[in-house]
Amino acid sequence: MKKDVHPDYHTITVAMTDGATFETRSTWGAEGDTLTLDIDPKSHPAWTGGAGRLVDTGGQVAKFNKRFGGFGLKS
């Protein structure tokens, strides 16, 4: 096996959005660094079941609705 081809694998601290922390091993950062999460399973709507809001950047939703708005189930 070749030497020095694998990244440094070390211990870091992960800080969740509610302030809880845990230690894990990772190749991210340096030994002892803290990775602060912006979104995690405790706060993300996909896991909490909360209503997500749709962010329309550049009018993509309006463009989609204009293009495909006529398609639908006829009653």
Protein backbone atom coordinates (compact mmCIF):
# COMPACT_ATOMS: atom_id res chain seq x y z
CA MET A 1 0.00 0.00 0.00
CA LYS A 2 1.24 3.50 -0.81
CA LYS A 3 2.24 5.76 2.05
CA ASP A 4 0.60 9.15 2.66
CA VAL A 5 -2.38 8.61 0.32
CA HIS A 6 -5.04 8.57 3.04
CA PRO A 7 -6.30 11.79 4.66
CA ASP A 8 -5.70 12.50 8.35
CA TYR A 9 -8.44 10.82 10.40
CA HIS A 10 -8.88 12.50 13.80
CA THR A 11 -11.38 13.37 16.55
CA ILE A 12 -13.68 16.41 16.17
CA THR A 13 -16.67 17.76 18.09
CA VAL A 14 -20.03 18.21 16.34
CA ALA A 15 -22.38 20.89 17.74
CA MET A 16 -26.07 20.37 16.97
CA THR A 17 -28.55 23.24 16.52
CA ASP A 18 -29.95 22.79 20.04
CA GLY A 19 -26.51 23.09 21.63
CA ALA A 20 -25.93 19.36 22.18
CA THR A 21 -22.44 18.15 21.24
CA PHE A 22 -20.80 14.83 20.55
CA GLU A 23 -17.37 13.64 19.50
CA THR A 24 -16.72 11.64 16.37
CA ARG A 25 -13.84 10.81 14.08
CA SER A 26 -13.61 12.56 10.72
CA THR A 27 -11.32 13.86 8.00
CA TRP A 28 -12.96 17.31 8.31
CA GLY A 29 -10.90 20.11 9.87
CA ALA A 30 -8.08 19.45 12.31
CA GLU A 31 -7.78 17.55 15.58
CA GLY A 32 -10.08 19.11 18.20
CA ASP A 33 -12.03 21.40 15.82
CA THR A 34 -15.79 21.95 16.31
CA LEU A 35 -18.18 21.47 13.40
CA THR A 36 -21.30 23.61 14.00
CA LEU A 37 -24.35 22.39 12.12
CA ASP A 38 -26.91 24.81 10.62
CA ILE A 39 -29.47 22.06 9.95
CA ASP A 40 -29.67 18.67 11.63
CA PRO A 41 -32.29 15.92 12.15
CA LYS A 42 -33.65 17.76 15.21
CA SER A 43 -34.52 20.92 13.25
CA HIS A 44 -35.00 19.93 9.59
CA PRO A 45 -38.63 19.69 8.40
CA ALA A 46 -37.94 16.45 6.55
CA TRP A 47 -37.36 14.71 9.89
CA THR A 48 -39.59 16.76 12.18
CA GLY A 49 -42.68 16.71 9.95
CA GLY A 50 -42.96 20.49 10.04
CA ALA A 51 -44.23 22.50 7.14
CA GLY A 52 -41.35 23.54 4.96
CA ARG A 53 -41.40 26.77 3.09
CA LEU A 54 -40.59 26.99 -0.55
CA VAL A 55 -37.89 29.48 -1.47
CA ASP A 56 -38.34 30.76 -5.00
CA THR A 57 -34.95 31.85 -6.28
CA GLY A 58 -35.02 33.44 -9.67
CA GLY A 59 -38.70 32.78 -10.33
CA GLN A 60 -38.22 29.05 -10.88
CA VAL A 61 -41.54 28.14 -9.23
CA ALA A 62 -43.41 30.76 -11.26
CA LYS A 63 -41.73 29.51 -14.43
CA PHE A 64 -42.73 25.93 -13.62
CA ASN A 65 -46.33 26.93 -12.84
CA LYS A 66 -46.57 28.95 -16.05
CA ARG A 67 -45.22 26.08 -18.12
CA PHE A 68 -47.14 23.23 -16.52
CA GLY A 69 -50.08 25.00 -14.87
CA GLY A 70 -52.55 23.77 -17.50
CA PHE A 71 -51.88 20.13 -16.71
CA GLY A 72 -54.14 18.71 -14.08
CA LEU A 73 -56.96 16.37 -13.35
CA LYS A 74 -60.23 17.36 -14.93
CA SER A 75 -63.26 17.17 -12.68
